[in-house]
Amino acid sequence: RVQLVESGGGSVQAGGSLRLSCTVSVEIGDETCMAWFRQVPGPEREAVAKIYGGVGSGTYYADSVKGRFTISQNNAKNTIYLQMNSLKPEDTAVYYCAAAPRTLSSRCLAPGVADVEFWGQGTQVTVSS
């Protein structure tokens, strides 16, 4: 069973930084889309950042975090990261790591939860003004 374990959440003042980590229990394949989502109270999760290492490799960022957040991947450690800088109160949410195995770049590097099969348990990020 694939498990994703997040760490690194916490509380920070506006303008501060946090780095989230997500360790996967299996090797991250090139055709696996790894992503960070966030959710405030409500039914929908917003795709914040995604990374894809297969054909058409690249990254995706929500407009709200472009220039402030950076997603990266360390395959040797089966870990992805989300570096969050210049945090704002509106970034407050539960952040989830997600994996979509055997998918395509065009489906990964876009908004939404296409092909996501595995989720982490979530980590709270709170930004105070």
Protein backbone atom coordinates (compact mmCIF):
# COMPACT_ATOMS: atom_id res chain seq x y z
CA ARG A 1 0.00 0.00 0.00
CA VAL A 2 1.39 3.39 -0.99
CA GLN A 3 1.70 5.83 1.88
CA LEU A 4 2.45 9.54 1.78
CA VAL A 5 3.61 11.21 4.98
CA GLU A 6 3.74 15.00 5.22
CA SER A 7 5.69 17.09 7.68
CA GLY A 8 6.72 20.70 8.15
CA GLY A 9 3.45 22.48 8.76
CA GLY A 10 3.00 24.97 11.56
CA SER A 11 2.24 28.56 12.44
CA VAL A 12 4.07 31.56 11.04
CA GLN A 13 3.56 35.29 10.72
CA ALA A 14 2.76 36.90 7.40
CA GLY A 15 5.88 37.29 5.31
CA GLY A 16 7.49 34.22 6.82
CA SER A 17 8.48 30.91 5.28
CA LEU A 18 7.79 27.23 5.77
CA ARG A 19 8.97 24.11 3.98
CA LEU A 20 6.69 21.11 3.69
CA SER A 21 8.03 17.62 3.02
CA CYS A 22 6.24 14.53 1.75
CA THR A 23 7.92 11.14 1.86
CA VAL A 24 6.49 8.37 -0.29
CA SER A 25 6.72 4.72 0.77
CA VAL A 26 7.63 3.56 -2.75
CA GLU A 27 9.87 4.81 -5.54
CA ILE A 28 8.47 7.81 -7.36
CA GLY A 29 8.33 6.83 -11.03
CA ASP A 30 8.94 9.29 -13.84
CA GLU A 31 5.31 9.07 -14.93
CA THR A 32 4.00 9.86 -11.46
CA CYS A 33 2.52 13.28 -10.90
CA MET A 34 3.37 14.53 -7.43
CA ALA A 35 1.39 17.43 -6.09
CA TRP A 36 0.50 19.63 -3.18
CA PHE A 37 -3.13 20.57 -2.60
CA ARG A 38 -4.68 22.70 0.10
CA GLN A 39 -8.12 22.83 1.62
CA VAL A 40 -9.92 25.36 3.75
CA PRO A 41 -13.24 24.37 5.37
CA GLY A 42 -15.36 23.23 2.44
CA PRO A 43 -15.56 20.41 -0.07
CA GLU A 44 -12.87 21.32 -2.57
CA ARG A 45 -9.13 20.95 -2.56
CA GLU A 46 -7.12 23.48 -4.54
CA ALA A 47 -4.10 22.31 -6.50
CA VAL A 48 -1.24 24.49 -5.31
CA ALA A 49 1.80 23.00 -7.07
CA LYS A 50 2.59 19.93 -9.13
CA ILE A 51 5.69 18.29 -10.56
CA TYR A 52 6.09 15.71 -13.29
CA GLY A 53 9.27 13.92 -14.35
CA GLY A 54 8.18 11.99 -17.42
CA VAL A 55 7.81 13.07 -21.05
CA GLY A 56 6.83 16.72 -21.03
CA SER A 57 8.31 17.18 -17.57
CA GLY A 58 7.69 20.37 -15.69
CA THR A 59 5.86 22.10 -12.88
CA TYR A 60 2.50 23.75 -12.35
CA TYR A 61 1.61 26.48 -9.88
CA ALA A 62 -1.71 28.04 -8.98
CA ASP A 63 -1.76 31.73 -9.85
CA SER A 64 -2.17 32.59 -6.18
CA VAL A 65 1.24 31.12 -5.28
CA LYS A 66 3.37 31.80 -8.35
CA GLY A 67 6.64 33.46 -7.45
CA ARG A 68 6.25 32.54 -3.76
CA PHE A 69 6.07 28.73 -3.65
CA THR A 70 8.49 26.22 -5.17
CA ILE A 71 7.91 22.50 -5.57
CA SER A 72 10.87 20.15 -5.85
CA GLN A 73 11.59 16.45 -5.79
CA ASN A 74 14.41 14.30 -4.45
CA ASN A 75 14.04 10.88 -6.07
CA ALA A 76 16.85 9.38 -4.02
CA LYS A 77 14.79 10.06 -0.91
CA ASN A 78 11.35 9.46 -2.46
CA THR A 79 10.47 12.90 -1.16
CA ILE A 80 8.92 16.03 -2.51
CA TYR A 81 9.06 19.46 -0.97
CA LEU A 82 7.05 22.68 -1.03
CA GLN A 83 9.06 25.76 -0.13
CA MET A 84 6.63 28.50 0.82
CA ASN A 85 7.93 32.05 1.05
CA SER A 86 6.23 35.40 1.61
CA LEU A 87 3.33 33.63 3.24
CA LYS A 88 -0.01 35.41 3.49
CA PRO A 89 -2.96 34.84 5.83
CA GLU A 90 -4.94 33.54 2.86
CA ASP A 91 -2.42 30.67 2.57
CA THR A 92 -3.84 29.27 5.80
CA ALA A 93 -5.16 25.78 5.06
CA VAL A 94 -4.55 22.09 5.49
CA TYR A 95 -1.95 21.07 2.92
CA TYR A 96 -2.08 17.61 1.37
CA CYS A 97 0.53 15.71 -0.59
CA ALA A 98 -0.86 13.66 -3.47
CA ALA A 99 0.35 11.15 -6.04
CA ALA A 100 -1.10 10.32 -9.43
CA PRO A 101 0.79 7.32 -10.86
CA ARG A 102 1.07 6.49 -14.54
CA THR A 103 -0.36 9.73 -15.81
CA LEU A 104 0.48 12.18 -18.56
CA SER A 105 2.12 15.57 -18.38
CA SER A 106 -0.95 17.26 -19.85
CA ARG A 107 -3.16 15.83 -17.10
CA CYS A 108 -0.67 16.50 -14.32
CA LEU A 109 0.39 20.06 -15.07
CA ALA A 110 -3.09 21.54 -14.82
CA PRO A 111 -5.56 22.51 -12.09
CA GLY A 112 -7.64 19.80 -10.49
CA VAL A 113 -7.23 16.33 -9.05
CA ALA A 114 -7.01 14.31 -12.28
CA ASP A 115 -5.71 10.77 -11.71
CA VAL A 116 -4.79 11.29 -8.05
CA GLU A 117 -4.91 7.93 -6.32
CA PHE A 118 -3.04 8.50 -3.08
CA TRP A 119 -3.26 11.25 -0.47
CA GLY A 120 -1.30 12.10 2.62
CA GLN A 121 -2.98 12.79 5.93
CA GLY A 122 -2.57 16.57 5.66
CA THR A 123 -0.59 19.13 7.60
CA GLN A 124 -1.94 22.42 8.95
CA VAL A 125 -0.37 25.69 7.87
CA THR A 126 -1.53 28.81 9.72
CA VAL A 127 -0.37 32.29 8.74
CA SER A 128 -1.21 35.13 11.08
CA SER A 129 -1.32 38.80 10.12
